[in-house]
Amino acid sequence: MEQEVNQHTILQAILELSKQMQDMKSDLQQQIEAVDVKIEAVEKRLKEKIEAVEKRLEEKIEAVEKRLDKVEQNLSRKIDLVDAKFDIISLDVITTKAEVSMLKQVK
């Protein structure tokens, strides 16, 4: 009889442990689901922030490209002006050399 009591006590302990394990398993599953929900929310927020940063970056890139175009046009005009000035100076130098040459021939 004492052995039956011990077996009964052991069975009760096993059943209690089994119930506790099931409860822990259920709690863990709930916690995992809660973490999954939080992860999804964080991923969504990160995606939105990344998209916002990408949009701002694209806008800034476009602004820089426009500024570069203006600088390029301005430099092109200035280079053309310098080229024209060199042409004029070259002509003046040639004319001056020609005049000097003619004066040397007259002497």
N, C-alpha and C. Protein backbone atom coordinates (compact mmCIF):
# COMPACT_ATOMS: atom_id res chain seq x y z
N MET A 1 0.81 -1.18 0.00
CA MET A 1 0.00 0.00 0.00
C MET A 1 0.87 1.27 0.00
N GLU A 2 1.93 1.20 0.79
CA GLU A 2 2.82 2.35 0.82
C GLU A 2 3.44 2.59 -0.55
N GLN A 3 3.69 1.49 -1.28
CA GLN A 3 4.25 1.62 -2.62
C GLN A 3 3.23 2.26 -3.56
N GLU A 4 1.95 1.91 -3.38
CA GLU A 4 0.91 2.52 -4.19
C GLU A 4 0.82 4.01 -3.92
N VAL A 5 0.96 4.41 -2.68
CA VAL A 5 0.92 5.82 -2.29
C VAL A 5 2.09 6.54 -2.93
N ASN A 6 3.26 5.91 -2.86
CA ASN A 6 4.44 6.51 -3.46
C ASN A 6 4.26 6.65 -4.97
N GLN A 7 3.73 5.63 -5.62
CA GLN A 7 3.50 5.69 -7.06
C GLN A 7 2.47 6.76 -7.39
N HIS A 8 1.43 6.81 -6.55
CA HIS A 8 0.39 7.82 -6.75
C HIS A 8 1.00 9.22 -6.59
N THR A 9 1.83 9.40 -5.60
CA THR A 9 2.48 10.70 -5.35
C THR A 9 3.40 11.04 -6.51
N ILE A 10 4.14 10.04 -6.98
CA ILE A 10 5.04 10.26 -8.12
C ILE A 10 4.24 10.64 -9.36
N LEU A 11 3.13 9.93 -9.61
CA LEU A 11 2.29 10.24 -10.76
C LEU A 11 1.73 11.65 -10.66
N GLN A 12 1.31 12.03 -9.45
CA GLN A 12 0.79 13.39 -9.26
C GLN A 12 1.88 14.42 -9.53
N ALA A 13 3.08 14.12 -9.05
CA ALA A 13 4.20 15.04 -9.27
C ALA A 13 4.51 15.15 -10.76
N ILE A 14 4.48 14.01 -11.44
CA ILE A 14 4.73 14.01 -12.89
C ILE A 14 3.66 14.81 -13.62
N LEU A 15 2.40 14.59 -13.23
CA LEU A 15 1.31 15.35 -13.85
C LEU A 15 1.44 16.84 -13.58
N GLU A 16 1.82 17.18 -12.36
CA GLU A 16 2.00 18.60 -12.01
C GLU A 16 3.14 19.21 -12.81
N LEU A 17 4.25 18.48 -12.93
CA LEU A 17 5.38 18.97 -13.73
C LEU A 17 5.00 19.10 -15.19
N SER A 18 4.24 18.12 -15.66
CA SER A 18 3.78 18.17 -17.05
C SER A 18 2.92 19.41 -17.30
N LYS A 19 2.02 19.67 -16.35
CA LYS A 19 1.16 20.86 -16.46
C LYS A 19 2.00 22.12 -16.43
N GLN A 20 2.97 22.16 -15.52
CA GLN A 20 3.84 23.33 -15.44
C GLN A 20 4.62 23.53 -16.74
N MET A 21 5.10 22.44 -17.33
CA MET A 21 5.83 22.50 -18.60
C MET A 21 4.92 23.03 -19.71
N GLN A 22 3.68 22.56 -19.74
CA GLN A 22 2.72 23.04 -20.74
C GLN A 22 2.46 24.54 -20.56
N ASP A 23 2.29 24.95 -19.30
CA ASP A 23 2.08 26.37 -19.01
C ASP A 23 3.28 27.21 -19.45
N MET A 24 4.48 26.70 -19.15
CA MET A 24 5.69 27.43 -19.55
C MET A 24 5.79 27.50 -21.07
N LYS A 25 5.45 26.39 -21.73
CA LYS A 25 5.49 26.36 -23.19
C LYS A 25 4.51 27.37 -23.76
N SER A 26 3.32 27.42 -23.20
CA SER A 26 2.30 28.37 -23.63
C SER A 26 2.77 29.81 -23.41
N ASP A 27 3.34 30.08 -22.24
CA ASP A 27 3.87 31.42 -21.94
C ASP A 27 4.97 31.81 -22.92
N LEU A 28 5.88 30.87 -23.17
CA LEU A 28 6.97 31.15 -24.11
C LEU A 28 6.44 31.43 -25.51
N GLN A 29 5.44 30.68 -25.93
CA GLN A 29 4.86 30.91 -27.25
C GLN A 29 4.22 32.30 -27.32
N GLN A 30 3.55 32.69 -26.26
CA GLN A 30 2.95 34.02 -26.22
C GLN A 30 4.02 35.10 -26.25
N GLN A 31 5.10 34.89 -25.53
CA GLN A 31 6.19 35.86 -25.53
C GLN A 31 6.84 35.96 -26.90
N ILE A 32 7.02 34.80 -27.53
CA ILE A 32 7.61 34.78 -28.88
C ILE A 32 6.71 35.53 -29.85
N GLU A 33 5.41 35.30 -29.77
CA GLU A 33 4.47 36.00 -30.64
C GLU A 33 4.51 37.51 -30.39
N ALA A 34 4.61 37.90 -29.12
CA ALA A 34 4.68 39.32 -28.78
C ALA A 34 5.96 39.93 -29.35
N VAL A 35 7.07 39.20 -29.24
CA VAL A 35 8.34 39.68 -29.79
C VAL A 35 8.25 39.79 -31.32
N ASP A 36 7.61 38.80 -31.95
CA ASP A 36 7.44 38.85 -33.41
C ASP A 36 6.65 40.09 -33.82
N VAL A 37 5.61 40.39 -33.09
CA VAL A 37 4.79 41.58 -33.39
C VAL A 37 5.65 42.84 -33.25
N LYS A 38 6.44 42.90 -32.18
CA LYS A 38 7.30 44.06 -31.97
C LYS A 38 8.35 44.17 -33.07
N ILE A 39 8.92 43.05 -33.47
CA ILE A 39 9.92 43.04 -34.54
C ILE A 39 9.30 43.55 -35.83
N GLU A 40 8.10 43.09 -36.14
CA GLU A 40 7.42 43.56 -37.35
C GLU A 40 7.17 45.06 -37.30
N ALA A 41 6.78 45.57 -36.13
CA ALA A 41 6.55 47.01 -35.98
C ALA A 41 7.85 47.79 -36.17
N VAL A 42 8.93 47.27 -35.60
CA VAL A 42 10.24 47.93 -35.75
C VAL A 42 10.67 47.91 -37.21
N GLU A 43 10.50 46.76 -37.86
CA GLU A 43 10.86 46.65 -39.28
C GLU A 43 10.07 47.65 -40.12
N LYS A 44 8.79 47.79 -39.82
CA LYS A 44 7.95 48.73 -40.55
C LYS A 44 8.44 50.16 -40.36
N ARG A 45 8.74 50.52 -39.10
CA ARG A 45 9.23 51.88 -38.82
C ARG A 45 10.57 52.11 -39.50
N LEU A 46 11.46 51.13 -39.44
CA LEU A 46 12.76 51.26 -40.10
C LEU A 46 12.60 51.43 -41.60
N LYS A 47 11.70 50.66 -42.19
CA LYS A 47 11.46 50.76 -43.62
C LYS A 47 10.96 52.16 -43.97
N GLU A 48 10.04 52.69 -43.17
CA GLU A 48 9.51 54.03 -43.43
C GLU A 48 10.62 55.07 -43.29
N LYS A 49 11.45 54.92 -42.27
CA LYS A 49 12.54 55.88 -42.08
C LYS A 49 13.56 55.79 -43.20
N ILE A 50 13.87 54.58 -43.62
CA ILE A 50 14.82 54.40 -44.73
C ILE A 50 14.27 55.03 -46.00
N GLU A 51 12.98 54.82 -46.26
CA GLU A 51 12.37 55.42 -47.44
C GLU A 51 12.41 56.94 -47.37
N ALA A 52 12.17 57.49 -46.19
CA ALA A 52 12.21 58.94 -46.02
C ALA A 52 13.63 59.46 -46.26
N VAL A 53 14.62 58.76 -45.73
CA VAL A 53 16.02 59.16 -45.92
C VAL A 53 16.39 59.07 -47.40
N GLU A 54 15.96 58.00 -48.06
CA GLU A 54 16.24 57.85 -49.49
C GLU A 54 15.63 58.99 -50.29
N LYS A 55 14.41 59.36 -49.94
CA LYS A 55 13.73 60.45 -50.64
C LYS A 55 14.51 61.76 -50.46
N ARG A 56 14.88 62.06 -49.20
CA ARG A 56 15.64 63.29 -48.94
C ARG A 56 16.98 63.26 -49.68
N LEU A 57 17.62 62.10 -49.70
CA LEU A 57 18.90 61.97 -50.38
C LEU A 57 18.73 62.21 -51.87
N GLU A 58 17.70 61.65 -52.46
CA GLU A 58 17.44 61.87 -53.89
C GLU A 58 17.19 63.35 -54.18
N GLU A 59 16.45 64.01 -53.31
CA GLU A 59 16.19 65.44 -53.49
C GLU A 59 17.48 66.24 -53.41
N LYS A 60 18.33 65.89 -52.46
CA LYS A 60 19.61 66.59 -52.32
C LYS A 60 20.51 66.32 -53.52
N ILE A 61 20.50 65.10 -54.00
CA ILE A 61 21.31 64.76 -55.18
C ILE A 61 20.84 65.58 -56.38
N GLU A 62 19.53 65.68 -56.55
CA GLU A 62 18.99 66.48 -57.65
C GLU A 62 19.40 67.94 -57.52
N ALA A 63 19.35 68.47 -56.31
CA ALA A 63 19.74 69.87 -56.08
C ALA A 63 21.22 70.07 -56.41
N VAL A 64 22.06 69.13 -55.99
CA VAL A 64 23.50 69.23 -56.27
C VAL A 64 23.75 69.13 -57.78
N GLU A 65 23.01 68.23 -58.46
CA GLU A 65 23.18 68.10 -59.91
C GLU A 65 22.80 69.39 -60.61
N LYS A 66 21.72 70.05 -60.16
CA LYS A 66 21.32 71.32 -60.76
C LYS A 66 22.40 72.37 -60.54
N ARG A 67 22.93 72.42 -59.32
CA ARG A 67 24.00 73.38 -59.04
C ARG A 67 25.23 73.10 -59.89
N LEU A 68 25.57 71.83 -60.05
CA LEU A 68 26.71 71.47 -60.88
C LEU A 68 26.49 71.90 -62.34
N ASP A 69 25.27 71.72 -62.83
CA ASP A 69 24.96 72.15 -64.19
C ASP A 69 25.17 73.65 -64.34
N LYS A 70 24.70 74.44 -63.35
CA LYS A 70 24.87 75.89 -63.40
C LYS A 70 26.35 76.26 -63.35
N VAL A 71 27.11 75.60 -62.48
CA VAL A 71 28.55 75.88 -62.38
C VAL A 71 29.23 75.53 -63.69
N GLU A 72 28.85 74.41 -64.27
CA GLU A 72 29.44 73.98 -65.54
C GLU A 72 29.16 75.00 -66.64
N GLN A 73 27.92 75.47 -66.70
CA GLN A 73 27.57 76.48 -67.71
C GLN A 73 28.35 77.77 -67.48
N ASN A 74 28.45 78.18 -66.23
CA ASN A 74 29.19 79.40 -65.90
C ASN A 74 30.66 79.27 -66.28
N LEU A 75 31.27 78.12 -65.94
CA LEU A 75 32.67 77.90 -66.29
C LEU A 75 32.86 77.86 -67.80
N SER A 76 31.92 77.27 -68.49
CA SER A 76 32.02 77.21 -69.95
C SER A 76 32.01 78.62 -70.55
N ARG A 77 31.12 79.49 -70.03
CA ARG A 77 31.09 80.88 -70.52
C ARG A 77 32.40 81.59 -70.21
N LYS A 78 32.92 81.39 -69.00
CA LYS A 78 34.17 82.04 -68.63
C LYS A 78 35.34 81.54 -69.48
N ILE A 79 35.37 80.25 -69.76
CA ILE A 79 36.42 79.69 -70.61
C ILE A 79 36.32 80.28 -72.01
N ASP A 80 35.09 80.39 -72.52
CA ASP A 80 34.91 80.99 -73.84
C ASP A 80 35.41 82.43 -73.85
N LEU A 81 35.14 83.17 -72.78
CA LEU A 81 35.59 84.56 -72.68
C LEU A 81 37.12 84.63 -72.65
N VAL A 82 37.75 83.76 -71.87
CA VAL A 82 39.22 83.73 -71.81
C VAL A 82 39.79 83.37 -73.17
N ASP A 83 39.19 82.42 -73.85
CA ASP A 83 39.64 82.05 -75.20
C ASP A 83 39.57 83.24 -76.14
N ALA A 84 38.46 83.97 -76.08
CA ALA A 84 38.30 85.15 -76.95
C ALA A 84 39.37 86.19 -76.62
N LYS A 85 39.64 86.39 -75.33
CA LYS A 85 40.68 87.35 -74.93
C LYS A 85 42.05 86.92 -75.43
N PHE A 86 42.36 85.62 -75.36
CA PHE A 86 43.64 85.13 -75.89
C PHE A 86 43.73 85.37 -77.40
N ASP A 87 42.62 85.15 -78.09
CA ASP A 87 42.62 85.41 -79.53
C ASP A 87 42.95 86.88 -79.81
N ILE A 88 42.33 87.77 -79.06
CA ILE A 88 42.56 89.20 -79.26
C ILE A 88 44.00 89.56 -78.93
N ILE A 89 44.50 89.04 -77.80
CA ILE A 89 45.90 89.32 -77.43
C ILE A 89 46.85 88.77 -78.48
N SER A 90 46.57 87.57 -78.97
CA SER A 90 47.42 86.97 -80.00
C SER A 90 47.45 87.85 -81.24
N LEU A 91 46.28 88.34 -81.65
CA LEU A 91 46.23 89.22 -82.82
C LEU A 91 47.01 90.50 -82.57
N ASP A 92 46.86 91.07 -81.36
CA ASP A 92 47.60 92.28 -81.02
C ASP A 92 49.11 92.03 -81.05
N VAL A 93 49.53 90.88 -80.54
CA VAL A 93 50.97 90.55 -80.54
C VAL A 93 51.46 90.39 -81.96
N ILE A 94 50.70 89.72 -82.79
CA ILE A 94 51.10 89.53 -84.19
C ILE A 94 51.19 90.88 -84.90
N THR A 95 50.19 91.72 -84.66
CA THR A 95 50.20 93.05 -85.28
C THR A 95 51.41 93.84 -84.81
N THR A 96 51.69 93.79 -83.53
CA THR A 96 52.84 94.51 -82.97
C THR A 96 54.13 93.99 -83.57
N LYS A 97 54.27 92.68 -83.67
CA LYS A 97 55.48 92.09 -84.26
C LYS A 97 55.62 92.51 -85.72
N ALA A 98 54.50 92.54 -86.41
CA ALA A 98 54.54 92.95 -87.82
C ALA A 98 55.00 94.41 -87.94
N GLU A 99 54.47 95.25 -87.07
CA GLU A 99 54.85 96.67 -87.10
C GLU A 99 56.32 96.84 -86.76
N VAL A 100 56.81 96.08 -85.76
CA VAL A 100 58.23 96.15 -85.40
C VAL A 100 59.09 95.68 -86.56
N SER A 101 58.65 94.64 -87.19
CA SER A 101 59.40 94.11 -88.33
C SER A 101 59.45 95.13 -89.44
N MET A 102 58.35 95.80 -89.71
CA MET A 102 58.32 96.82 -90.77
C MET A 102 59.24 98.00 -90.41
N LEU A 103 59.25 98.37 -89.13
CA LEU A 103 60.11 99.48 -88.69
C LEU A 103 61.58 99.11 -88.83
N LYS A 104 61.93 97.86 -88.55
CA LYS A 104 63.30 97.42 -88.69
C LYS A 104 63.72 97.46 -90.15
N GLN A 105 62.79 97.12 -91.01
CA GLN A 105 63.11 97.12 -92.45
C GLN A 105 63.30 98.54 -92.96
N VAL A 106 62.58 99.51 -92.41
CA VAL A 106 62.67 100.89 -92.84
C VAL A 106 64.02 101.47 -92.42
N LYS A 107 64.56 101.09 -91.33
CA LYS A 107 65.84 101.65 -90.83
C LYS A 107 66.90 101.21 -91.72
